C-alpha cells in the first residue's frame, strides 16, 4: 500500500513520481503523464498536502 508520494513536474505534461510503500520501499518513475499520476494518487486514497512554486506536490495517506 502506498503511504506517501511526491510528484515533480518535469515540463510539458510530464512528471517524476516517487512513492513510498508501507514497508518503506521507495519507487521512482520518470517521464509519466502528470494527469495520470494525479489520478493514481487519488485512486490510492492519498490527499494533496502541499504544492510548491516549482510544481512539486506532496501527497499522503490520511488514515
C-alpha atoms as a PDB file:
ATOM      1  CA  UNK A   1       0.000   0.000   0.000  1.00  0.00           C
ATOM      2  CA  UNK A   2       1.283   3.459  -0.908  1.00  0.00           C
ATOM      3  CA  UNK A   3       1.568   5.695   2.162  1.00  0.00           C
ATOM      4  CA  UNK A   4       3.050   8.846   0.610  1.00  0.00           C
ATOM      5  CA  UNK A   5       4.188  10.248  -2.695  1.00  0.00           C
ATOM      6  CA  UNK A   6       5.850  13.152  -4.421  1.00  0.00           C
ATOM      7  CA  UNK A   7       5.145  14.405  -7.939  1.00  0.00           C
ATOM      8  CA  UNK A   8       7.791  16.607  -9.555  1.00  0.00           C
ATOM      9  CA  UNK A   9       6.757  18.476 -12.699  1.00  0.00           C
ATOM     10  CA  UNK A  10       9.317  17.968 -15.483  1.00  0.00           C
ATOM     11  CA  UNK A  11       7.784  20.019 -18.271  1.00  0.00           C
ATOM     12  CA  UNK A  12       5.095  19.704 -20.953  1.00  0.00           C
ATOM     13  CA  UNK A  13       2.718  17.406 -19.079  1.00  0.00           C
ATOM     14  CA  UNK A  14       5.418  15.061 -17.771  1.00  0.00           C
ATOM     15  CA  UNK A  15       6.305  14.211 -14.208  1.00  0.00           C
ATOM     16  CA  UNK A  16       8.591  12.195 -11.987  1.00  0.00           C
ATOM     17  CA  UNK A  17       6.767  10.135  -9.388  1.00  0.00           C
ATOM     18  CA  UNK A  18       8.316   8.957  -6.124  1.00  0.00           C
ATOM     19  CA  UNK A  19       6.177   6.750  -3.891  1.00  0.00           C
ATOM     20  CA  UNK A  20       6.830   5.125  -0.524  1.00  0.00           C
ATOM     21  CA  UNK A  21       5.083   1.899   0.397  1.00  0.00           C
ATOM     22  CA  UNK A  22       4.121   0.789   3.917  1.00  0.00           C
ATOM     23  CA  UNK A  23       7.263  -1.392   4.114  1.00  0.00           C
ATOM     24  CA  UNK A  24       9.437   1.735   3.438  1.00  0.00           C
ATOM     25  CA  UNK A  25      10.192   0.539  -0.124  1.00  0.00           C
ATOM     26  CA  UNK A  26      10.584   3.532  -2.490  1.00  0.00           C
ATOM     27  CA  UNK A  27       9.925   3.529  -6.227  1.00  0.00           C
ATOM     28  CA  UNK A  28      10.834   6.334  -8.636  1.00  0.00           C
ATOM     29  CA  UNK A  29       9.372   6.567 -12.144  1.00  0.00           C
ATOM     30  CA  UNK A  30      10.246   9.339 -14.608  1.00  0.00           C
ATOM     31  CA  UNK A  31       8.517  10.618 -17.754  1.00  0.00           C
ATOM     32  CA  UNK A  32       4.946   9.818 -16.725  1.00  0.00           C
ATOM     33  CA  UNK A  33       1.882  11.781 -17.796  1.00  0.00           C
ATOM     34  CA  UNK A  34       1.163  14.188 -14.939  1.00  0.00           C
ATOM     35  CA  UNK A  35      -2.631  13.805 -15.092  1.00  0.00           C
ATOM     36  CA  UNK A  36      -2.347  10.007 -14.929  1.00  0.00           C
ATOM     37  CA  UNK A  37      -0.087  10.301 -11.886  1.00  0.00           C
ATOM     38  CA  UNK A  38      -2.545  12.602 -10.090  1.00  0.00           C
ATOM     39  CA  UNK A  39      -5.396  10.157 -10.812  1.00  0.00           C
ATOM     40  CA  UNK A  40      -3.252   7.319  -9.432  1.00  0.00           C
ATOM     41  CA  UNK A  41      -2.596   9.199  -6.192  1.00  0.00           C
ATOM     42  CA  UNK A  42      -6.301   9.905  -5.704  1.00  0.00           C
ATOM     43  CA  UNK A  43      -7.320   6.342  -6.550  1.00  0.00           C
ATOM     44  CA  UNK A  44      -4.834   5.071  -3.937  1.00  0.00           C
ATOM     45  CA  UNK A  45      -6.553   7.243  -1.310  1.00  0.00           C
ATOM     46  CA  UNK A  46      -3.804   9.837  -0.958  1.00  0.00           C
ATOM     47  CA  UNK A  47      -4.527  13.522  -0.372  1.00  0.00           C
ATOM     48  CA  UNK A  48      -2.573  16.537  -1.563  1.00  0.00           C
ATOM     49  CA  UNK A  49      -0.880  18.094   1.463  1.00  0.00           C
ATOM     50  CA  UNK A  50       1.444  20.666  -0.113  1.00  0.00           C
ATOM     51  CA  UNK A  51       2.397  22.115  -3.502  1.00  0.00           C
ATOM     52  CA  UNK A  52       5.390  24.380  -4.011  1.00  0.00           C
ATOM     53  CA  UNK A  53       6.044  27.095  -6.605  1.00  0.00           C
ATOM     54  CA  UNK A  54       8.143  24.744  -8.764  1.00  0.00           C
ATOM     55  CA  UNK A  55       5.212  22.413  -9.318  1.00  0.00           C
ATOM     56  CA  UNK A  56       6.283  19.723  -6.859  1.00  0.00           C
ATOM     57  CA  UNK A  57       3.381  18.261  -4.919  1.00  0.00           C
ATOM     58  CA  UNK A  58       3.437  16.108  -1.800  1.00  0.00           C
ATOM     59  CA  UNK A  59       0.735  13.511  -1.123  1.00  0.00           C
ATOM     60  CA  UNK A  60      -0.020  11.474   1.989  1.00  0.00           C
ATOM     61  CA  UNK A  61      -2.490   8.829   3.072  1.00  0.00           C
ATOM     62  CA  UNK A  62      -4.840  10.088   5.756  1.00  0.00           C
ATOM     63  CA  UNK A  63      -5.988   7.177   7.935  1.00  0.00           C
END
